[in-house]
């Protein structure tokens, strides 16, 4: 949906990497991008592996003064922003589609498991 210079994406059912590629391309073209329902974005791979990968990321900190960062966010919208930040060059991006038989995790459940407190509130919306 295009409103002026703003593009709105519904994150429900999208694969995280594919949505990040779409958003990165629109940002490079100069559009403002808003992603709604980030908690329903799918991540390829099983839930346990994705959780271990994110928990390993949470353990990274500065040795001498941990209050200086890095700061680790737990909300689904900020997890989606981190994926866009690590986006590779589009020509080097390997396209992998999520098959119905493939395992996948939902971003909202992953965020809830690592400390996001608002899963019940967004489920009622």
PDB file of N, CA and C in Angstrom:
ATOM      1  N   UNK A   1       0.853  -1.170   0.000  1.00  0.00           N
ATOM      2  CA  UNK A   1       0.000   0.000   0.000  1.00  0.00           C
ATOM      3  C   UNK A   1       0.900   1.233   0.000  1.00  0.00           C
ATOM      4  N   UNK A   2       0.647   2.155  -0.883  1.00  0.00           N
ATOM      5  CA  UNK A   2       1.467   3.345  -1.028  1.00  0.00           C
ATOM      6  C   UNK A   2       0.643   4.570  -0.664  1.00  0.00           C
ATOM      7  N   UNK A   3       1.097   5.329   0.329  1.00  0.00           N
ATOM      8  CA  UNK A   3       0.426   6.560   0.746  1.00  0.00           C
ATOM      9  C   UNK A   3       1.452   7.679   0.686  1.00  0.00           C
ATOM     10  N   UNK A   4       1.407   8.465  -0.373  1.00  0.00           N
ATOM     11  CA  UNK A   4       2.381   9.533  -0.528  1.00  0.00           C
ATOM     12  C   UNK A   4       3.766   8.942  -0.715  1.00  0.00           C
ATOM     13  N   UNK A   5       4.637   9.192   0.229  1.00  0.00           N
ATOM     14  CA  UNK A   5       5.995   8.666   0.189  1.00  0.00           C
ATOM     15  C   UNK A   5       6.186   7.554   1.212  1.00  0.00           C
ATOM     16  N   UNK A   6       5.084   7.049   1.804  1.00  0.00           N
ATOM     17  CA  UNK A   6       5.150   6.017   2.830  1.00  0.00           C
ATOM     18  C   UNK A   6       4.601   4.702   2.285  1.00  0.00           C
ATOM     19  N   UNK A   7       5.321   3.617   2.523  1.00  0.00           N
ATOM     20  CA  UNK A   7       4.878   2.286   2.108  1.00  0.00           C
ATOM     21  C   UNK A   7       4.617   1.472   3.365  1.00  0.00           C
ATOM     22  N   UNK A   8       3.423   0.868   3.452  1.00  0.00           N
ATOM     23  CA  UNK A   8       3.058   0.031   4.592  1.00  0.00           C
ATOM     24  C   UNK A   8       3.094  -1.431   4.173  1.00  0.00           C
ATOM     25  N   UNK A   9       3.772  -2.263   4.954  1.00  0.00           N
ATOM     26  CA  UNK A   9       3.806  -3.704   4.729  1.00  0.00           C
ATOM     27  C   UNK A   9       3.139  -4.398   5.903  1.00  0.00           C
ATOM     28  N   UNK A  10       2.348  -5.432   5.604  1.00  0.00           N
ATOM     29  CA  UNK A  10       1.789  -6.294   6.634  1.00  0.00           C
ATOM     30  C   UNK A  10       2.749  -7.464   6.795  1.00  0.00           C
ATOM     31  N   UNK A  11       3.341  -7.619   7.977  1.00  0.00           N
ATOM     32  CA  UNK A  11       4.358  -8.637   8.189  1.00  0.00           C
ATOM     33  C   UNK A  11       3.827 -10.045   8.353  1.00  0.00           C
ATOM     34  N   UNK A  12       2.519 -10.211   8.473  1.00  0.00           N
ATOM     35  CA  UNK A  12       1.948 -11.535   8.744  1.00  0.00           C
ATOM     36  C   UNK A  12       2.220 -12.490   7.580  1.00  0.00           C
ATOM     37  N   UNK A  13       2.889 -13.600   7.886  1.00  0.00           N
ATOM     38  CA  UNK A  13       3.147 -14.619   6.890  1.00  0.00           C
ATOM     39  C   UNK A  13       4.385 -14.402   6.040  1.00  0.00           C
ATOM     40  N   UNK A  14       5.032 -13.252   6.139  1.00  0.00           N
ATOM     41  CA  UNK A  14       6.244 -13.004   5.358  1.00  0.00           C
ATOM     42  C   UNK A  14       7.428 -13.721   5.994  1.00  0.00           C
ATOM     43  N   UNK A  15       8.375 -14.093   5.181  1.00  0.00           N
ATOM     44  CA  UNK A  15       9.634 -14.636   5.656  1.00  0.00           C
ATOM     45  C   UNK A  15      10.554 -13.460   5.988  1.00  0.00           C
ATOM     46  N   UNK A  16      11.270 -13.541   7.104  1.00  0.00           N
ATOM     47  CA  UNK A  16      12.028 -12.402   7.618  1.00  0.00           C
ATOM     48  C   UNK A  16      13.038 -11.868   6.603  1.00  0.00           C
ATOM     49  N   UNK A  17      13.805 -12.731   5.979  1.00  0.00           N
ATOM     50  CA  UNK A  17      14.811 -12.272   5.025  1.00  0.00           C
ATOM     51  C   UNK A  17      14.217 -11.636   3.785  1.00  0.00           C
ATOM     52  N   UNK A  18      13.118 -12.208   3.280  1.00  0.00           N
ATOM     53  CA  UNK A  18      12.476 -11.648   2.088  1.00  0.00           C
ATOM     54  C   UNK A  18      11.875 -10.280   2.382  1.00  0.00           C
ATOM     55  N   UNK A  19      11.229 -10.159   3.536  1.00  0.00           N
ATOM     56  CA  UNK A  19      10.650  -8.872   3.914  1.00  0.00           C
ATOM     57  C   UNK A  19      11.749  -7.832   4.123  1.00  0.00           C
ATOM     58  N   UNK A  20      12.875  -8.254   4.715  1.00  0.00           N
ATOM     59  CA  UNK A  20      13.994  -7.332   4.911  1.00  0.00           C
ATOM     60  C   UNK A  20      14.545  -6.850   3.572  1.00  0.00           C
ATOM     61  N   UNK A  21      14.571  -7.734   2.571  1.00  0.00           N
ATOM     62  CA  UNK A  21      15.051  -7.331   1.246  1.00  0.00           C
ATOM     63  C   UNK A  21      14.106  -6.323   0.608  1.00  0.00           C
ATOM     64  N   UNK A  22      12.788  -6.550   0.741  1.00  0.00           N
ATOM     65  CA  UNK A  22      11.815  -5.604   0.190  1.00  0.00           C
ATOM     66  C   UNK A  22      11.929  -4.240   0.858  1.00  0.00           C
ATOM     67  N   UNK A  23      12.045  -4.253   2.178  1.00  0.00           N
ATOM     68  CA  UNK A  23      12.125  -2.996   2.929  1.00  0.00           C
ATOM     69  C   UNK A  23      13.420  -2.262   2.599  1.00  0.00           C
ATOM     70  N   UNK A  24      14.535  -2.990   2.526  1.00  0.00           N
ATOM     71  CA  UNK A  24      15.819  -2.351   2.225  1.00  0.00           C
ATOM     72  C   UNK A  24      15.797  -1.697   0.848  1.00  0.00           C
ATOM     73  N   UNK A  25      15.182  -2.352  -0.124  1.00  0.00           N
ATOM     74  CA  UNK A  25      15.115  -1.788  -1.474  1.00  0.00           C
ATOM     75  C   UNK A  25      14.288  -0.509  -1.493  1.00  0.00           C
ATOM     76  N   UNK A  26      13.152  -0.503  -0.781  1.00  0.00           N
ATOM     77  CA  UNK A  26      12.307   0.692  -0.759  1.00  0.00           C
ATOM     78  C   UNK A  26      12.984   1.841  -0.016  1.00  0.00           C
ATOM     79  N   UNK A  27      13.743   1.525   1.032  1.00  0.00           N
ATOM     80  CA  UNK A  27      14.468   2.571   1.759  1.00  0.00           C
ATOM     81  C   UNK A  27      15.554   3.169   0.871  1.00  0.00           C
ATOM     82  N   UNK A  28      16.242   2.322   0.098  1.00  0.00           N
ATOM     83  CA  UNK A  28      17.261   2.834  -0.823  1.00  0.00           C
ATOM     84  C   UNK A  28      16.660   3.723  -1.904  1.00  0.00           C
ATOM     85  N   UNK A  29      15.397   3.465  -2.267  1.00  0.00           N
ATOM     86  CA  UNK A  29      14.723   4.298  -3.260  1.00  0.00           C
ATOM     87  C   UNK A  29      14.192   5.601  -2.667  1.00  0.00           C
ATOM     88  N   UNK A  30      14.309   5.774  -1.340  1.00  0.00           N
ATOM     89  CA  UNK A  30      13.922   7.023  -0.710  1.00  0.00           C
ATOM     90  C   UNK A  30      12.540   7.036  -0.094  1.00  0.00           C
ATOM     91  N   UNK A  31      11.879   5.894  -0.004  1.00  0.00           N
ATOM     92  CA  UNK A  31      10.551   5.835   0.590  1.00  0.00           C
ATOM     93  C   UNK A  31      10.648   5.607   2.092  1.00  0.00           C
ATOM     94  N   UNK A  32       9.634   6.057   2.813  1.00  0.00           N
ATOM     95  CA  UNK A  32       9.516   5.737   4.230  1.00  0.00           C
ATOM     96  C   UNK A  32       8.712   4.442   4.320  1.00  0.00           C
ATOM     97  N   UNK A  33       9.195   3.473   5.102  1.00  0.00           N
ATOM     98  CA  UNK A  33       8.575   2.149   5.161  1.00  0.00           C
ATOM     99  C   UNK A  33       8.097   1.874   6.577  1.00  0.00           C
ATOM    100  N   UNK A  34       6.852   1.384   6.690  1.00  0.00           N
ATOM    101  CA  UNK A  34       6.275   0.992   7.975  1.00  0.00           C
ATOM    102  C   UNK A  34       5.865  -0.471   7.864  1.00  0.00           C
ATOM    103  N   UNK A  35       6.324  -1.304   8.814  1.00  0.00           N
ATOM    104  CA  UNK A  35       5.946  -2.718   8.846  1.00  0.00           C
ATOM    105  C   UNK A  35       5.047  -2.926  10.058  1.00  0.00           C
ATOM    106  N   UNK A  36       3.814  -3.381   9.808  1.00  0.00           N
ATOM    107  CA  UNK A  36       2.881  -3.655  10.900  1.00  0.00           C
ATOM    108  C   UNK A  36       2.788  -5.160  11.107  1.00  0.00           C
ATOM    109  N   UNK A  37       2.346  -5.551  12.267  1.00  0.00           N
ATOM    110  CA  UNK A  37       2.235  -6.952  12.695  1.00  0.00           C
ATOM    111  C   UNK A  37       3.569  -7.688  12.558  1.00  0.00           C
ATOM    112  N   UNK A  38       4.609  -7.090  13.121  1.00  0.00           N
ATOM    113  CA  UNK A  38       5.943  -7.703  13.073  1.00  0.00           C
ATOM    114  C   UNK A  38       5.993  -9.010  13.853  1.00  0.00           C
ATOM    115  N   UNK A  39       5.112  -9.175  14.830  1.00  0.00           N
ATOM    116  CA  UNK A  39       5.156 -10.383  15.653  1.00  0.00           C
ATOM    117  C   UNK A  39       4.705 -11.627  14.900  1.00  0.00           C
ATOM    118  N   UNK A  40       4.124 -11.477  13.712  1.00  0.00           N
ATOM    119  CA  UNK A  40       3.660 -12.627  12.923  1.00  0.00           C
ATOM    120  C   UNK A  40       4.597 -12.961  11.758  1.00  0.00           C
ATOM    121  N   UNK A  41       5.793 -12.373  11.728  1.00  0.00           N
ATOM    122  CA  UNK A  41       6.773 -12.671  10.684  1.00  0.00           C
ATOM    123  C   UNK A  41       7.362 -14.056  10.942  1.00  0.00           C
ATOM    124  N   UNK A  42       7.577 -14.832   9.877  1.00  0.00           N
ATOM    125  CA  UNK A  42       8.154 -16.169   9.992  1.00  0.00           C
ATOM    126  C   UNK A  42       9.665 -16.111   9.815  1.00  0.00           C
ATOM    127  N   UNK A  43      10.355 -17.003  10.541  1.00  0.00           N
ATOM    128  CA  UNK A  43      11.799 -17.159  10.414  1.00  0.00           C
ATOM    129  C   UNK A  43      12.044 -18.600  10.003  1.00  0.00           C
ATOM    130  N   UNK A  44      12.830 -18.828   8.954  1.00  0.00           N
ATOM    131  CA  UNK A  44      13.082 -20.198   8.526  1.00  0.00           C
ATOM    132  C   UNK A  44      13.995 -20.900   9.526  1.00  0.00           C
ATOM    133  N   UNK A  45      13.834 -22.205   9.657  1.00  0.00           N
ATOM    134  CA  UNK A  45      14.589 -22.997  10.623  1.00  0.00           C
ATOM    135  C   UNK A  45      13.735 -23.270  11.844  1.00  0.00           C
ATOM    136  N   UNK A  46      14.137 -24.266  12.623  1.00  0.00           N
ATOM    137  CA  UNK A  46      13.301 -24.596  13.772  1.00  0.00           C
ATOM    138  C   UNK A  46      13.454 -23.565  14.884  1.00  0.00           C
ATOM    139  N   UNK A  47      12.483 -23.556  15.768  1.00  0.00           N
ATOM    140  CA  UNK A  47      12.410 -22.542  16.816  1.00  0.00           C
ATOM    141  C   UNK A  47      13.605 -22.622  17.758  1.00  0.00           C
ATOM    142  N   UNK A  48      13.988 -23.823  18.153  1.00  0.00           N
ATOM    143  CA  UNK A  48      15.058 -23.998  19.134  1.00  0.00           C
ATOM    144  C   UNK A  48      16.383 -23.441  18.609  1.00  0.00           C
ATOM    145  N   UNK A  49      16.703 -23.704  17.352  1.00  0.00           N
ATOM    146  CA  UNK A  49      17.949 -23.199  16.771  1.00  0.00           C
ATOM    147  C   UNK A  49      17.944 -21.670  16.702  1.00  0.00           C
ATOM    148  N   UNK A  50      16.825 -21.079  16.307  1.00  0.00           N
ATOM    149  CA  UNK A  50      16.734 -19.617  16.240  1.00  0.00           C
ATOM    150  C   UNK A  50      16.848 -18.989  17.620  1.00  0.00           C
ATOM    151  N   UNK A  51      16.275 -19.651  18.624  1.00  0.00           N
ATOM    152  CA  UNK A  51      16.361 -19.129  19.991  1.00  0.00           C
ATOM    153  C   UNK A  51      17.801 -19.176  20.491  1.00  0.00           C
ATOM    154  N   UNK A  52      18.510 -20.278  20.239  1.00  0.00           N
ATOM    155  CA  UNK A  52      19.910 -20.371  20.658  1.00  0.00           C
ATOM    156  C   UNK A  52      20.772 -19.322  19.969  1.00  0.00           C
ATOM    157  N   UNK A  53      20.500 -19.066  18.697  1.00  0.00           N
ATOM    158  CA  UNK A  53      21.265 -18.068  17.953  1.00  0.00           C
ATOM    159  C   UNK A  53      21.050 -16.668  18.535  1.00  0.00           C
ATOM    160  N   UNK A  54      19.798 -16.348  18.898  1.00  0.00           N
ATOM    161  CA  UNK A  54      19.534 -15.025  19.459  1.00  0.00           C
ATOM    162  C   UNK A  54      20.064 -14.907  20.885  1.00  0.00           C
ATOM    163  N   UNK A  55      20.002 -15.994  21.672  1.00  0.00           N
ATOM    164  CA  UNK A  55      20.553 -15.948  23.024  1.00  0.00           C
ATOM    165  C   UNK A  55      22.069 -15.777  22.995  1.00  0.00           C
ATOM    166  N   UNK A  56      22.736 -16.343  22.004  1.00  0.00           N
ATOM    167  CA  UNK A  56      24.177 -16.121  21.846  1.00  0.00           C
ATOM    168  C   UNK A  56      24.455 -14.651  21.539  1.00  0.00           C
ATOM    169  N   UNK A  57      23.576 -14.021  20.764  1.00  0.00           N
ATOM    170  CA  UNK A  57      23.709 -12.592  20.481  1.00  0.00           C
ATOM    171  C   UNK A  57      23.494 -11.764  21.749  1.00  0.00           C
ATOM    172  N   UNK A  58      22.573 -12.197  22.615  1.00  0.00           N
ATOM    173  CA  UNK A  58      22.309 -11.453  23.844  1.00  0.00           C
ATOM    174  C   UNK A  58      23.485 -11.496  24.814  1.00  0.00           C
ATOM    175  N   UNK A  59      24.301 -12.529  24.747  1.00  0.00           N
ATOM    176  CA  UNK A  59      25.438 -12.650  25.662  1.00  0.00           C
ATOM    177  C   UNK A  59      26.584 -11.719  25.300  1.00  0.00           C
ATOM    178  N   UNK A  60      26.573 -11.134  24.145  1.00  0.00           N
ATOM    179  CA  UNK A  60      27.659 -10.243  23.737  1.00  0.00           C
ATOM    180  C   UNK A  60      27.534  -8.909  24.476  1.00  0.00           C
ATOM    181  N   UNK A  61      28.624  -8.493  25.099  1.00  0.00           N
ATOM    182  CA  UNK A  61      28.627  -7.231  25.825  1.00  0.00           C
ATOM    183  C   UNK A  61      30.054  -6.719  25.909  1.00  0.00           C
ATOM    184  N   UNK A  62      30.203  -5.490  26.352  1.00  0.00           N
ATOM    185  CA  UNK A  62      31.526  -4.906  26.523  1.00  0.00           C
ATOM    186  C   UNK A  62      32.106  -5.405  27.839  1.00  0.00           C
ATOM    187  N   UNK A  63      33.337  -5.900  27.830  1.00  0.00           N
ATOM    188  CA  UNK A  63      33.918  -6.506  29.024  1.00  0.00           C
ATOM    189  C   UNK A  63      34.181  -5.503  30.135  1.00  0.00           C
ATOM    190  N   UNK A  64      34.714  -4.340  29.819  1.00  0.00           N
ATOM    191  CA  UNK A  64      35.120  -3.413  30.865  1.00  0.00           C
ATOM    192  C   UNK A  64      33.957  -2.630  31.454  1.00  0.00           C
ATOM    193  N   UNK A  65      32.981  -2.253  30.636  1.00  0.00           N
ATOM    194  CA  UNK A  65      31.837  -1.498  31.138  1.00  0.00           C
ATOM    195  C   UNK A  65      30.589  -1.898  30.345  1.00  0.00           C
ATOM    196  N   UNK A  66      29.819  -2.881  30.826  1.00  0.00           N
ATOM    197  CA  UNK A  66      28.666  -3.366  30.067  1.00  0.00           C
ATOM    198  C   UNK A  66      27.579  -2.321  29.833  1.00  0.00           C
ATOM    199  N   UNK A  67      27.549  -1.245  30.636  1.00  0.00           N
ATOM    200  CA  UNK A  67      26.515  -0.230  30.431  1.00  0.00           C
ATOM    201  C   UNK A  67      26.759   0.595  29.165  1.00  0.00           C
ATOM    202  N   UNK A  68      27.945   0.479  28.590  1.00  0.00           N
ATOM    203  CA  UNK A  68      28.239   1.197  27.348  1.00  0.00           C
ATOM    204  C   UNK A  68      27.685   0.501  26.113  1.00  0.00           C
ATOM    205  N   UNK A  69      27.205  -0.697  26.285  1.00  0.00           N
ATOM    206  CA  UNK A  69      26.595  -1.373  25.147  1.00  0.00           C
ATOM    207  C   UNK A  69      27.311  -2.653  24.801  1.00  0.00           C
ATOM    208  N   UNK A  70      26.880  -3.359  23.840  1.00  0.00           N
ATOM    209  CA  UNK A  70      25.732  -3.108  22.979  1.00  0.00           C
ATOM    210  C   UNK A  70      24.418  -3.328  23.706  1.00  0.00           C
ATOM    211  N   UNK A  71      23.392  -2.645  23.250  1.00  0.00           N
ATOM    212  CA  UNK A  71      22.073  -2.752  23.856  1.00  0.00           C
ATOM    213  C   UNK A  71      21.254  -3.736  23.043  1.00  0.00           C
ATOM    214  N   UNK A  72      20.650  -4.702  23.707  1.00  0.00           N
ATOM    215  CA  UNK A  72      19.920  -5.767  23.027  1.00  0.00           C
ATOM    216  C   UNK A  72      18.427  -5.569  23.226  1.00  0.00           C
ATOM    217  N   UNK A  73      17.705  -5.466  22.127  1.00  0.00           N
ATOM    218  CA  UNK A  73      16.272  -5.238  22.176  1.00  0.00           C
ATOM    219  C   UNK A  73      15.528  -6.553  22.034  1.00  0.00           C
ATOM    220  N   UNK A  74      14.292  -6.597  22.559  1.00  0.00           N
ATOM    221  CA  UNK A  74      13.536  -7.829  22.555  1.00  0.00           C
ATOM    222  C   UNK A  74      12.204  -7.730  21.821  1.00  0.00           C
ATOM    223  N   UNK A  75      11.787  -6.545  21.432  1.00  0.00           N
ATOM    224  CA  UNK A  75      10.514  -6.380  20.729  1.00  0.00           C
ATOM    225  C   UNK A  75      10.660  -6.846  19.280  1.00  0.00           C
ATOM    226  N   UNK A  76       9.602  -7.416  18.691  1.00  0.00           N
ATOM    227  CA  UNK A  76       9.692  -7.908  17.314  1.00  0.00           C
ATOM    228  C   UNK A  76      10.045  -6.835  16.291  1.00  0.00           C
ATOM    229  N   UNK A  77       9.570  -5.619  16.496  1.00  0.00           N
ATOM    230  CA  UNK A  77       9.875  -4.553  15.540  1.00  0.00           C
ATOM    231  C   UNK A  77      11.370  -4.247  15.523  1.00  0.00           C
ATOM    232  N   UNK A  78      12.016  -4.282  16.682  1.00  0.00           N
ATOM    233  CA  UNK A  78      13.445  -4.001  16.718  1.00  0.00           C
ATOM    234  C   UNK A  78      14.254  -5.182  16.210  1.00  0.00           C
ATOM    235  N   UNK A  79      13.750  -6.406  16.379  1.00  0.00           N
ATOM    236  CA  UNK A  79      14.435  -7.565  15.807  1.00  0.00           C
ATOM    237  C   UNK A  79      14.399  -7.496  14.287  1.00  0.00           C
ATOM    238  N   UNK A  80      13.296  -7.028  13.732  1.00  0.00           N
ATOM    239  CA  UNK A  80      13.186  -6.858  12.283  1.00  0.00           C
ATOM    240  C   UNK A  80      14.162  -5.785  11.806  1.00  0.00           C
ATOM    241  N   UNK A  81      14.340  -4.728  12.595  1.00  0.00           N
ATOM    242  CA  UNK A  81      15.279  -3.663  12.229  1.00  0.00           C
ATOM    243  C   UNK A  81      16.710  -4.195  12.209  1.00  0.00           C
ATOM    244  N   UNK A  82      17.047  -5.077  13.152  1.00  0.00           N
ATOM    245  CA  UNK A  82      18.384  -5.651  13.164  1.00  0.00           C
ATOM    246  C   UNK A  82      18.641  -6.481  11.915  1.00  0.00           C
ATOM    247  N   UNK A  83      17.633  -7.179  11.446  1.00  0.00           N
ATOM    248  CA  UNK A  83      17.796  -7.986  10.236  1.00  0.00           C
ATOM    249  C   UNK A  83      18.044  -7.085   9.032  1.00  0.00           C
ATOM    250  N   UNK A  84      17.340  -5.968   8.938  1.00  0.00           N
ATOM    251  CA  UNK A  84      17.558  -5.043   7.823  1.00  0.00           C
ATOM    252  C   UNK A  84      18.952  -4.444   7.890  1.00  0.00           C
ATOM    253  N   UNK A  85      19.458  -4.214   9.105  1.00  0.00           N
ATOM    254  CA  UNK A  85      20.772  -3.618   9.267  1.00  0.00           C
ATOM    255  C   UNK A  85      21.861  -4.555   8.745  1.00  0.00           C
ATOM    256  N   UNK A  86      21.655  -5.857   8.873  1.00  0.00           N
ATOM    257  CA  UNK A  86      22.651  -6.830   8.443  1.00  0.00           C
ATOM    258  C   UNK A  86      22.413  -7.320   7.018  1.00  0.00           C
ATOM    259  N   UNK A  87      21.658  -6.593   6.253  1.00  0.00           N
ATOM    260  CA  UNK A  87      21.300  -7.018   4.900  1.00  0.00           C
ATOM    261  C   UNK A  87      22.545  -7.063   4.024  1.00  0.00           C
ATOM    262  N   UNK A  88      22.653  -8.066   3.175  1.00  0.00           N
ATOM    263  CA  UNK A  88      23.795  -8.192   2.276  1.00  0.00           C
ATOM    264  C   UNK A  88      23.492  -7.486   0.962  1.00  0.00           C
ATOM    265  N   UNK A  89      24.477  -7.419   0.102  1.00  0.00           N
ATOM    266  CA  UNK A  89      24.295  -6.828  -1.217  1.00  0.00           C
ATOM    267  C   UNK A  89      23.249  -7.657  -1.964  1.00  0.00           C
ATOM    268  N   UNK A  90      22.233  -7.040  -2.598  1.00  0.00           N
ATOM    269  CA  UNK A  90      21.165  -7.815  -3.232  1.00  0.00           C
ATOM    270  C   UNK A  90      21.645  -8.838  -4.254  1.00  0.00           C
ATOM    271  N   UNK A  91      22.749  -8.563  -4.965  1.00  0.00           N
ATOM    272  CA  UNK A  91      23.238  -9.527  -5.952  1.00  0.00           C
ATOM    273  C   UNK A  91      23.789 -10.783  -5.279  1.00  0.00           C
ATOM    274  N   UNK A  92      24.260 -10.649  -4.041  1.00  0.00           N
ATOM    275  CA  UNK A  92      24.833 -11.791  -3.333  1.00  0.00           C
ATOM    276  C   UNK A  92      23.794 -12.531  -2.499  1.00  0.00           C
ATOM    277  N   UNK A  93      22.565 -12.046  -2.483  1.00  0.00           N
ATOM    278  CA  UNK A  93      21.524 -12.656  -1.660  1.00  0.00           C
ATOM    279  C   UNK A  93      21.056 -13.957  -2.288  1.00  0.00           C
ATOM    280  N   UNK A  94      21.126 -15.034  -1.529  1.00  0.00           N
ATOM    281  CA  UNK A  94      20.657 -16.331  -2.014  1.00  0.00           C
ATOM    282  C   UNK A  94      19.185 -16.459  -1.652  1.00  0.00           C
ATOM    283  N   UNK A  95      18.361 -16.673  -2.643  1.00  0.00           N
ATOM    284  CA  UNK A  95      16.922 -16.716  -2.411  1.00  0.00           C
ATOM    285  C   UNK A  95      16.530 -18.118  -1.967  1.00  0.00           C
ATOM    286  N   UNK A  96      15.952 -18.209  -0.784  1.00  0.00           N
ATOM    287  CA  UNK A  96      15.480 -19.477  -0.244  1.00  0.00           C
ATOM    288  C   UNK A  96      14.017 -19.290   0.109  1.00  0.00           C
ATOM    289  N   UNK A  97      13.167 -20.134  -0.422  1.00  0.00           N
ATOM    290  CA  UNK A  97      11.740 -20.016  -0.139  1.00  0.00           C
ATOM    291  C   UNK A  97      11.353 -20.988   0.952  1.00  0.00           C
ATOM    292  N   UNK A  98      10.363 -20.632   1.734  1.00  0.00           N
ATOM    293  CA  UNK A  98       9.885 -21.482   2.815  1.00  0.00           C
ATOM    294  C   UNK A  98       8.857 -22.450   2.255  1.00  0.00           C
ATOM    295  N   UNK A  99       9.162 -23.728   2.269  1.00  0.00           N
ATOM    296  CA  UNK A  99       8.253 -24.757   1.773  1.00  0.00           C
ATOM    297  C   UNK A  99       7.276 -25.134   2.882  1.00  0.00           C
ATOM    298  N   UNK A 100       6.110 -25.659   2.534  1.00  0.00           N
ATOM    299  CA  UNK A 100       5.143 -26.051   3.568  1.00  0.00           C
ATOM    300  C   UNK A 100       5.674 -27.116   4.521  1.00  0.00           C
ATOM    301  N   UNK A 101       6.597 -27.957   4.056  1.00  0.00           N
ATOM    302  CA  UNK A 101       7.138 -29.003   4.924  1.00  0.00           C
ATOM    303  C   UNK A 101       8.322 -28.515   5.761  1.00  0.00           C
ATOM    304  N   UNK A 102       8.825 -27.319   5.499  1.00  0.00           N
ATOM    305  CA  UNK A 102       9.977 -26.798   6.232  1.00  0.00           C
ATOM    306  C   UNK A 102       9.577 -26.323   7.621  1.00  0.00           C
ATOM    307  N   UNK A 103      10.532 -26.392   8.533  1.00  0.00           N
ATOM    308  CA  UNK A 103      10.290 -25.886   9.878  1.00  0.00           C
ATOM    309  C   UNK A 103      10.491 -24.378   9.878  1.00  0.00           C
ATOM    310  N   UNK A 104       9.690 -23.692  10.683  1.00  0.00           N
ATOM    311  CA  UNK A 104       9.845 -22.248  10.803  1.00  0.00           C
ATOM    312  C   UNK A 104       9.435 -21.823  12.204  1.00  0.00           C
ATOM    313  N   UNK A 105       9.880 -20.656  12.594  1.00  0.00           N
ATOM    314  CA  UNK A 105       9.546 -20.069  13.886  1.00  0.00           C
ATOM    315  C   UNK A 105       8.847 -18.745  13.631  1.00  0.00           C
ATOM    316  N   UNK A 106       8.015 -18.333  14.576  1.00  0.00           N
ATOM    317  CA  UNK A 106       7.314 -17.056  14.479  1.00  0.00           C
ATOM    318  C   UNK A 106       8.074 -16.052  15.337  1.00  0.00           C
ATOM    319  N   UNK A 107       8.306 -14.873  14.799  1.00  0.00           N
ATOM    320  CA  UNK A 107       9.122 -13.861  15.465  1.00  0.00           C
ATOM    321  C   UNK A 107       8.542 -13.445  16.811  1.00  0.00           C
ATOM    322  N   UNK A 108       7.212 -13.381  16.932  1.00  0.00           N
ATOM    323  CA  UNK A 108       6.590 -12.992  18.193  1.00  0.00           C
ATOM    324  C   UNK A 108       6.868 -13.975  19.310  1.00  0.00           C
ATOM    325  N   UNK A 109       6.840 -15.273  18.999  1.00  0.00           N
ATOM    326  CA  UNK A 109       7.128 -16.283  20.022  1.00  0.00           C
ATOM    327  C   UNK A 109       8.593 -16.221  20.432  1.00  0.00           C
ATOM    328  N   UNK A 110       9.486 -16.034  19.467  1.00  0.00           N
ATOM    329  CA  UNK A 110      10.907 -15.918  19.777  1.00  0.00           C
ATOM    330  C   UNK A 110      11.169 -14.707  20.667  1.00  0.00           C
ATOM    331  N   UNK A 111      10.545 -13.582  20.352  1.00  0.00           N
ATOM    332  CA  UNK A 111      10.717 -12.376  21.161  1.00  0.00           C
ATOM    333  C   UNK A 111      10.161 -12.580  22.565  1.00  0.00           C
ATOM    334  N   UNK A 112       9.038 -13.293  22.681  1.00  0.00           N
ATOM    335  CA  UNK A 112       8.445 -13.566  23.990  1.00  0.00           C
ATOM    336  C   UNK A 112       9.361 -14.455  24.832  1.00  0.00           C
ATOM    337  N   UNK A 113       9.998 -15.424  24.215  1.00  0.00           N
ATOM    338  CA  UNK A 113      10.874 -16.348  24.938  1.00  0.00           C
ATOM    339  C   UNK A 113      12.132 -15.657  25.458  1.00  0.00           C
ATOM    340  N   UNK A 114      12.576 -14.587  24.810  1.00  0.00           N
ATOM    341  CA  UNK A 114      13.801 -13.917  25.249  1.00  0.00           C
ATOM    342  C   UNK A 114      13.525 -12.646  26.050  1.00  0.00           C
ATOM    343  N   UNK A 115      12.250 -12.378  26.395  1.00  0.00           N
ATOM    344  CA  UNK A 115      11.992 -11.283  27.314  1.00  0.00           C
ATOM    345  C   UNK A 115      10.999 -10.232  26.890  1.00  0.00           C
ATOM    346  N   UNK A 116      10.352 -10.347  25.741  1.00  0.00           N
ATOM    347  CA  UNK A 116       9.345  -9.365  25.329  1.00  0.00           C
ATOM    348  C   UNK A 116       8.080  -9.605  26.130  1.00  0.00           C
ATOM    349  N   UNK A 117       7.495  -8.565  26.718  1.00  0.00           N
ATOM    350  CA  UNK A 117       6.409  -8.729  27.682  1.00  0.00           C
ATOM    351  C   UNK A 117       5.018  -8.498  27.116  1.00  0.00           C
ATOM    352  N   UNK A 118       4.874  -8.169  25.854  1.00  0.00           N
ATOM    353  CA  UNK A 118       3.587  -7.695  25.354  1.00  0.00           C
ATOM    354  C   UNK A 118       2.926  -8.627  24.344  1.00  0.00           C
ATOM    355  N   UNK A 119       3.245  -9.908  24.375  1.00  0.00           N
ATOM    356  CA  UNK A 119       2.657 -10.840  23.423  1.00  0.00           C
ATOM    357  C   UNK A 119       1.160 -10.991  23.653  1.00  0.00           C
ATOM    358  N   UNK A 120       0.723 -11.052  24.899  1.00  0.00           N
ATOM    359  CA  UNK A 120      -0.703 -11.210  25.199  1.00  0.00           C
ATOM    360  C   UNK A 120      -1.495  -9.972  24.773  1.00  0.00           C
ATOM    361  N   UNK A 121      -0.909  -8.802  24.914  1.00  0.00           N
ATOM    362  CA  UNK A 121      -1.600  -7.565  24.543  1.00  0.00           C
ATOM    363  C   UNK A 121      -1.777  -7.480  23.033  1.00  0.00           C
ATOM    364  N   UNK A 122      -0.740  -7.811  22.276  1.00  0.00           N
ATOM    365  CA  UNK A 122      -0.860  -7.728  20.822  1.00  0.00           C
ATOM    366  C   UNK A 122      -1.747  -8.832  20.260  1.00  0.00           C
ATOM    367  N   UNK A 123      -1.910  -9.930  20.986  1.00  0.00           N
ATOM    368  CA  UNK A 123      -2.802 -10.998  20.521  1.00  0.00           C
ATOM    369  C   UNK A 123      -4.262 -10.566  20.591  1.00  0.00           C
ATOM    370  N   UNK A 124      -4.595  -9.651  21.511  1.00  0.00           N
ATOM    371  CA  UNK A 124      -5.975  -9.195  21.642  1.00  0.00           C
ATOM    372  C   UNK A 124      -6.323  -8.086  20.659  1.00  0.00           C
ATOM    373  N   UNK A 125      -5.351  -7.469  20.036  1.00  0.00           N
ATOM    374  CA  UNK A 125      -5.610  -6.370  19.096  1.00  0.00           C
ATOM    375  C   UNK A 125      -6.189  -6.864  17.803  1.00  0.00           C
TER     376      UNK A 125
END
